[in-house]
Amino acid sequence: MLKDIKYYRDRIGLSQSELASKTGLSQGRISDFERGVRQDCFLSIARRLATALQVTLDQLASLPPR
C-alpha cells in the first residue's frame, strides 16, 4: 500500500513538504511512505492522502477499481 504516493504527488506537482502540509503529516512520514520504510497507515491518514493527491482510496492502495 502507498507505494504510488510519489507518482501521484509528481502528477499534480506537489513537493513532499506541500503534501505534508495538506495532510497534516510530517515530510519525513511522507518520505517514509514513498520509500516503503513505513507501511502502517490508518484509514484516516489514507483518506487525507487520497484527497490531497486527488485519487481514490483504491488507487492509493494500488487496488484494481471496482
Protein backbone atom coordinates (compact mmCIF):
# COMPACT_ATOMS: atom_id res chain seq x y z
CA MET A 1 0.00 0.00 0.00
CA LEU A 2 1.03 3.60 -0.59
CA LYS A 3 3.81 2.72 -2.98
CA ASP A 4 2.48 5.10 -5.62
CA ILE A 5 2.37 8.26 -3.50
CA LYS A 6 5.37 9.72 -5.32
CA TYR A 7 3.78 9.03 -8.72
CA TYR A 8 0.52 10.72 -7.75
CA ARG A 9 2.34 13.55 -5.97
CA ASP A 10 4.52 14.24 -9.01
CA ARG A 11 1.49 14.02 -11.29
CA ILE A 12 -0.14 17.01 -9.59
CA GLY A 13 3.12 18.85 -8.95
CA LEU A 14 3.34 18.71 -5.16
CA SER A 15 6.54 18.51 -3.16
CA GLN A 16 6.74 16.24 -0.14
CA SER A 17 6.52 19.32 2.07
CA GLU A 18 3.38 20.56 0.30
CA LEU A 19 1.74 17.15 0.61
CA ALA A 20 2.70 17.01 4.26
CA SER A 21 1.11 20.41 4.83
CA LYS A 22 -2.11 19.39 3.05
CA THR A 23 -2.42 16.17 5.06
CA GLY A 24 -1.12 17.25 8.46
CA LEU A 25 1.66 14.66 8.28
CA SER A 26 5.37 15.31 8.57
CA GLN A 27 7.54 15.47 5.47
CA GLY A 28 9.56 12.62 6.97
CA ARG A 29 6.50 10.39 7.16
CA ILE A 30 5.63 11.15 3.53
CA SER A 31 9.20 10.23 2.59
CA ASP A 32 9.00 7.01 4.61
CA PHE A 33 5.74 6.01 2.87
CA GLU A 34 7.24 6.72 -0.56
CA ARG A 35 10.37 4.69 0.16
CA GLY A 36 8.40 1.81 1.66
CA VAL A 37 10.17 2.23 5.00
CA ARG A 38 6.85 2.79 6.69
CA GLN A 39 3.72 0.93 5.65
CA ASP A 40 1.50 1.34 8.69
CA CYS A 41 -1.32 3.63 7.68
CA PHE A 42 -4.60 4.25 9.42
CA LEU A 43 -7.68 4.70 7.24
CA SER A 44 -7.94 8.34 8.34
CA ILE A 45 -4.41 9.01 7.04
CA ALA A 46 -5.10 7.16 3.79
CA ARG A 47 -8.21 9.28 3.26
CA ARG A 48 -6.26 12.51 3.79
CA LEU A 49 -3.58 11.34 1.37
CA ALA A 50 -6.12 10.30 -1.26
CA THR A 51 -7.94 13.62 -1.01
CA ALA A 52 -4.73 15.65 -1.25
CA LEU A 53 -3.48 13.54 -4.17
CA GLN A 54 -6.86 13.66 -5.94
CA VAL A 55 -7.19 9.88 -6.19
CA THR A 56 -9.48 7.21 -4.77
CA LEU A 57 -8.52 5.00 -1.85
CA ASP A 58 -8.37 2.05 -4.27
CA GLN A 59 -5.86 3.91 -6.45
CA LEU A 60 -3.80 4.85 -3.44
CA ALA A 61 -3.75 1.25 -2.26
CA SER A 62 -2.97 0.07 -5.82
CA LEU A 63 -6.14 -1.99 -5.93
CA PRO A 64 -8.00 -2.55 -9.19
CA PRO A 65 -11.10 -0.34 -9.47
CA ARG A 66 -14.44 -1.99 -8.78
